[in-house]
């Protein structure tokens, strides 16, 4: 889909997307007007429409922006890893950092405003999301085939992985007592300690470290 903006407007438009994403996360898509987005961007409404055709196009571009960041910061960093378990572990770690970091707003919008998109825009975002699920399914299948993890159903494993990662935004507090690094380390070990094949786990140095269990209601509290 073509937003109609000029090629040299990229940096300015990224600022618009990030500002709009913050407002939509706070108020919801239906509860956020283009006038409010323009005001938050210190622009006139006409100036905003210089960059985007309409509100749904803006939503689509926010989701595309989030998917671009995900593919660059997560998938592109792990595709080259030959060992499927190492690939999955690093993918999970990087995905957690993305969700807890600068792209958290875009991730939330992709999850919560998905049904708002229609037609070609929705189909395009759907295809990108499904590609990630297939990547996870293929990696889990490969890990089972190679005996690197115990036998699991790849689709169940893929969505369990995603369920853990994509729920983080509901409880993680950037200024809380747990850092993003602590959360990613604990969650990776929590999932893969239960998946690693007993034969692999028996290899010296391959065992998972002991986990410290944190009550879920307390994870966002400050010390």
Protein backbone atom coordinates (compact mmCIF):
# COMPACT_ATOMS: atom_id res chain seq x y z
CA UNK A 1 0.00 0.00 0.00
CA UNK A 2 1.22 3.50 -0.85
CA UNK A 3 0.94 6.19 1.83
CA UNK A 4 1.40 8.98 -0.71
CA UNK A 5 4.22 10.65 1.23
CA UNK A 6 7.42 11.90 -0.32
CA UNK A 7 10.62 9.86 -0.16
CA UNK A 8 12.47 12.64 1.71
CA UNK A 9 9.88 12.73 4.50
CA UNK A 10 11.07 9.49 6.11
CA UNK A 11 12.47 10.82 9.38
CA UNK A 12 9.56 13.17 9.96
CA UNK A 13 7.08 10.42 9.20
CA UNK A 14 8.75 8.04 11.67
CA UNK A 15 8.20 10.68 14.34
CA UNK A 16 4.54 10.91 13.34
CA UNK A 17 4.16 7.13 13.52
CA UNK A 18 5.73 6.93 16.97
CA UNK A 19 3.60 9.81 18.27
CA UNK A 20 0.42 8.34 16.81
CA UNK A 21 1.29 4.92 18.23
CA UNK A 22 1.65 6.40 21.72
CA UNK A 23 -1.75 8.09 21.51
CA UNK A 24 -3.49 5.02 20.09
CA UNK A 25 -1.99 2.85 22.85
CA UNK A 26 -3.33 5.27 25.46
CA UNK A 27 -6.79 5.88 23.99
CA UNK A 28 -7.46 3.16 21.43
CA UNK A 29 -7.80 3.60 17.69
CA UNK A 30 -11.44 4.70 17.78
CA UNK A 31 -10.75 7.05 20.69
CA UNK A 32 -7.94 8.90 18.91
CA UNK A 33 -8.74 11.53 16.29
CA UNK A 34 -6.52 12.74 13.49
CA UNK A 35 -6.81 16.23 14.98
CA UNK A 36 -5.35 14.96 18.27
CA UNK A 37 -2.53 13.19 16.45
CA UNK A 38 -1.77 16.35 14.47
CA UNK A 39 -1.73 18.44 17.65
CA UNK A 40 0.60 16.00 19.41
CA UNK A 41 2.90 16.20 16.39
CA UNK A 42 2.72 20.02 16.52
CA UNK A 43 1.20 20.09 13.07
CA UNK A 44 -2.03 21.23 11.51
CA UNK A 45 -4.49 18.57 10.44
CA UNK A 46 -3.81 19.56 6.82
CA UNK A 47 -0.10 19.15 7.47
CA UNK A 48 -0.70 15.65 8.81
CA UNK A 49 -2.63 14.73 5.67
CA UNK A 50 0.38 15.81 3.65
CA UNK A 51 2.09 12.72 5.06
CA UNK A 52 -0.77 10.21 5.18
CA UNK A 53 -3.93 9.62 3.16
CA UNK A 54 -6.29 8.70 5.99
CA UNK A 55 -6.50 7.25 9.49
CA UNK A 56 -6.55 3.60 8.43
CA UNK A 57 -3.48 4.19 6.27
CA UNK A 58 -1.76 5.62 9.35
CA UNK A 59 -2.69 2.53 11.37
CA UNK A 60 -1.38 0.28 8.62
CA UNK A 61 1.88 2.22 8.48
CA UNK A 62 2.30 1.98 12.28
CA UNK A 63 1.89 -1.80 12.07
CA UNK A 64 4.26 -2.02 9.11
CA UNK A 65 6.78 0.08 11.02
CA UNK A 66 6.54 -2.35 13.93
CA UNK A 67 6.87 -5.39 11.67
CA UNK A 68 9.88 -3.85 9.92
CA UNK A 69 11.58 -3.28 13.28
CA UNK A 70 10.77 -6.85 14.32
CA UNK A 71 12.19 -8.39 11.16
CA UNK A 72 15.34 -6.26 11.31
CA UNK A 73 15.99 -6.59 15.04
CA UNK A 74 14.86 -10.18 15.54
CA UNK A 75 14.46 -12.40 12.49
CA UNK A 76 17.36 -11.03 10.47
CA UNK A 77 19.64 -11.57 13.48
CA UNK A 78 18.84 -15.27 13.93
CA UNK A 79 18.16 -16.75 10.49
CA UNK A 80 21.85 -17.60 10.01
CA UNK A 81 22.10 -19.69 13.21
CA UNK A 82 22.41 -23.32 12.19
CA UNK A 83 21.48 -24.91 15.51
CA UNK A 84 17.66 -24.68 15.82
CA UNK A 85 17.70 -24.45 19.62
CA UNK A 86 20.25 -21.64 19.60
CA UNK A 87 18.15 -19.96 16.90
CA UNK A 88 14.96 -20.22 18.95
CA UNK A 89 16.59 -19.12 22.19
CA UNK A 90 18.15 -16.05 20.61
CA UNK A 91 14.93 -15.28 18.76
CA UNK A 92 13.01 -15.34 22.03
CA UNK A 93 15.59 -13.17 23.79
CA UNK A 94 15.58 -10.55 21.03
CA UNK A 95 11.80 -10.60 20.74
CA UNK A 96 11.48 -9.95 24.48
CA UNK A 97 13.85 -7.01 24.22
CA UNK A 98 11.79 -5.63 21.34
CA UNK A 99 8.54 -5.93 23.31
CA UNK A 100 10.04 -4.33 26.42
CA UNK A 101 11.93 -1.65 24.49
CA UNK A 102 11.33 1.11 21.98
CA UNK A 103 8.81 -0.75 19.79
CA UNK A 104 6.45 -1.80 22.56
CA UNK A 105 3.75 0.63 21.36
CA UNK A 106 3.79 -0.73 17.82
CA UNK A 107 3.68 -4.32 19.11
CA UNK A 108 0.65 -3.53 21.28
CA UNK A 109 -1.13 -1.95 18.31
CA UNK A 110 -0.37 -4.94 16.08
CA UNK A 111 -1.97 -7.17 18.73
CA UNK A 112 -4.96 -5.05 19.69
CA UNK A 113 -5.94 -3.17 16.55
CA UNK A 114 -5.48 -6.00 14.07
CA UNK A 115 -9.21 -6.37 13.39
CA UNK A 116 -9.50 -2.65 12.61
CA UNK A 117 -7.64 -3.02 9.33
CA UNK A 118 -9.57 -4.15 6.27
CA UNK A 119 -8.94 -5.63 2.85
CA UNK A 120 -5.46 -5.55 1.38
CA UNK A 121 -3.92 -3.86 4.42
CA UNK A 122 -5.16 -6.54 6.83
CA UNK A 123 -4.13 -9.36 4.51
CA UNK A 124 -0.63 -7.92 4.17
CA UNK A 125 -0.07 -7.63 7.94
CA UNK A 126 -1.57 -11.11 8.40
CA UNK A 127 0.90 -12.56 5.91
CA UNK A 128 3.86 -11.06 7.77
CA UNK A 129 2.62 -12.37 11.11
CA UNK A 130 2.00 -15.85 9.67
CA UNK A 131 5.54 -15.90 8.26
CA UNK A 132 6.88 -15.56 11.82
CA UNK A 133 4.68 -18.41 13.04
CA UNK A 134 5.97 -20.61 10.19
CA UNK A 135 9.55 -19.68 11.07
CA UNK A 136 8.97 -20.82 14.66
CA UNK A 137 7.15 -23.99 13.60
CA UNK A 138 9.94 -24.91 11.18
CA UNK A 139 12.60 -24.28 13.84
CA UNK A 140 10.79 -26.40 16.42
CA UNK A 141 10.28 -29.17 13.85
CA UNK A 142 13.97 -29.11 12.99
CA UNK A 143 14.96 -29.22 16.65
CA UNK A 144 12.76 -32.30 17.18
CA UNK A 145 14.07 -34.00 14.04
CA UNK A 146 17.66 -33.49 15.14
CA UNK A 147 16.96 -34.72 18.65
CA UNK A 148 17.81 -31.32 20.14
CA UNK A 149 14.52 -31.11 22.04
CA UNK A 150 11.92 -33.63 23.11
CA UNK A 151 9.05 -34.38 20.75
CA UNK A 152 6.55 -31.53 20.70
CA UNK A 153 3.81 -30.43 18.32
CA UNK A 154 5.40 -27.53 16.39
CA UNK A 155 2.28 -25.36 16.22
CA UNK A 156 1.61 -25.73 19.95
CA UNK A 157 5.26 -24.96 20.68
CA UNK A 158 5.24 -21.90 18.39
CA UNK A 159 2.13 -20.36 19.93
CA UNK A 160 3.33 -21.18 23.47
CA UNK A 161 6.52 -19.28 22.62
CA UNK A 162 4.50 -16.35 21.27
CA UNK A 163 2.08 -16.39 24.18
CA UNK A 164 4.90 -15.99 26.67
CA UNK A 165 6.61 -13.21 24.72
CA UNK A 166 3.61 -11.17 23.62
CA UNK A 167 1.97 -11.12 27.05
CA UNK A 168 4.94 -9.34 28.64
CA UNK A 169 3.65 -5.86 27.88
CA UNK A 170 0.73 -6.53 30.26
CA UNK A 171 2.95 -6.79 33.33
CA UNK A 172 6.49 -5.58 32.62
CA UNK A 173 7.38 -2.17 34.05
CA UNK A 174 10.55 -0.55 32.60
CA UNK A 175 11.17 1.19 35.94
CA UNK A 176 10.30 -1.87 38.02
CA UNK A 177 12.66 -4.11 39.96
CA UNK A 178 13.27 -6.51 37.05
CA UNK A 179 15.32 -5.44 34.04
CA UNK A 180 14.51 -6.49 30.50
CA UNK A 181 17.69 -8.58 30.54
CA UNK A 182 16.60 -10.45 33.68
CA UNK A 183 13.17 -11.10 32.22
CA UNK A 184 14.55 -12.39 28.92
CA UNK A 185 17.08 -14.69 30.63
CA UNK A 186 14.49 -16.16 33.00
CA UNK A 187 11.85 -16.68 30.32
CA UNK A 188 14.23 -18.30 27.84
CA UNK A 189 15.41 -20.77 30.47
CA UNK A 190 11.87 -21.35 31.70
CA UNK A 191 10.71 -22.45 28.25
CA UNK A 192 13.76 -24.34 27.04
CA UNK A 193 14.58 -26.14 30.29
CA UNK A 194 11.37 -28.07 29.70
CA UNK A 195 12.05 -28.69 26.02
CA UNK A 196 15.68 -29.76 25.85
CA UNK A 197 16.06 -33.46 25.16
CA UNK A 198 17.23 -35.45 28.24
CA UNK A 199 20.19 -36.71 26.21
CA UNK A 200 21.22 -33.15 25.44
CA UNK A 201 20.63 -31.98 28.99
CA UNK A 202 22.94 -34.74 30.24
CA UNK A 203 25.90 -33.29 28.35
CA UNK A 204 28.26 -31.49 30.77
CA UNK A 205 27.56 -27.76 30.75
CA UNK A 206 24.26 -28.12 28.88
CA UNK A 207 21.96 -28.03 31.87
CA UNK A 208 19.79 -25.00 32.52
CA UNK A 209 20.60 -22.83 35.54
CA UNK A 210 18.28 -22.75 38.53
CA UNK A 211 15.38 -20.33 38.13
CA UNK A 212 14.28 -17.82 40.73
CA UNK A 213 10.49 -17.78 40.79
CA UNK A 214 8.90 -14.32 40.95
CA UNK A 215 5.26 -13.91 42.04
CA UNK A 216 3.46 -12.53 38.96
CA UNK A 217 1.63 -9.81 40.88
CA UNK A 218 4.91 -8.34 42.13
CA UNK A 219 7.04 -8.20 39.01
CA UNK A 220 6.22 -4.60 38.20
CA UNK A 221 6.72 -3.23 41.72
CA UNK A 222 9.68 -1.08 42.56
CA UNK A 223 11.98 -2.14 45.35
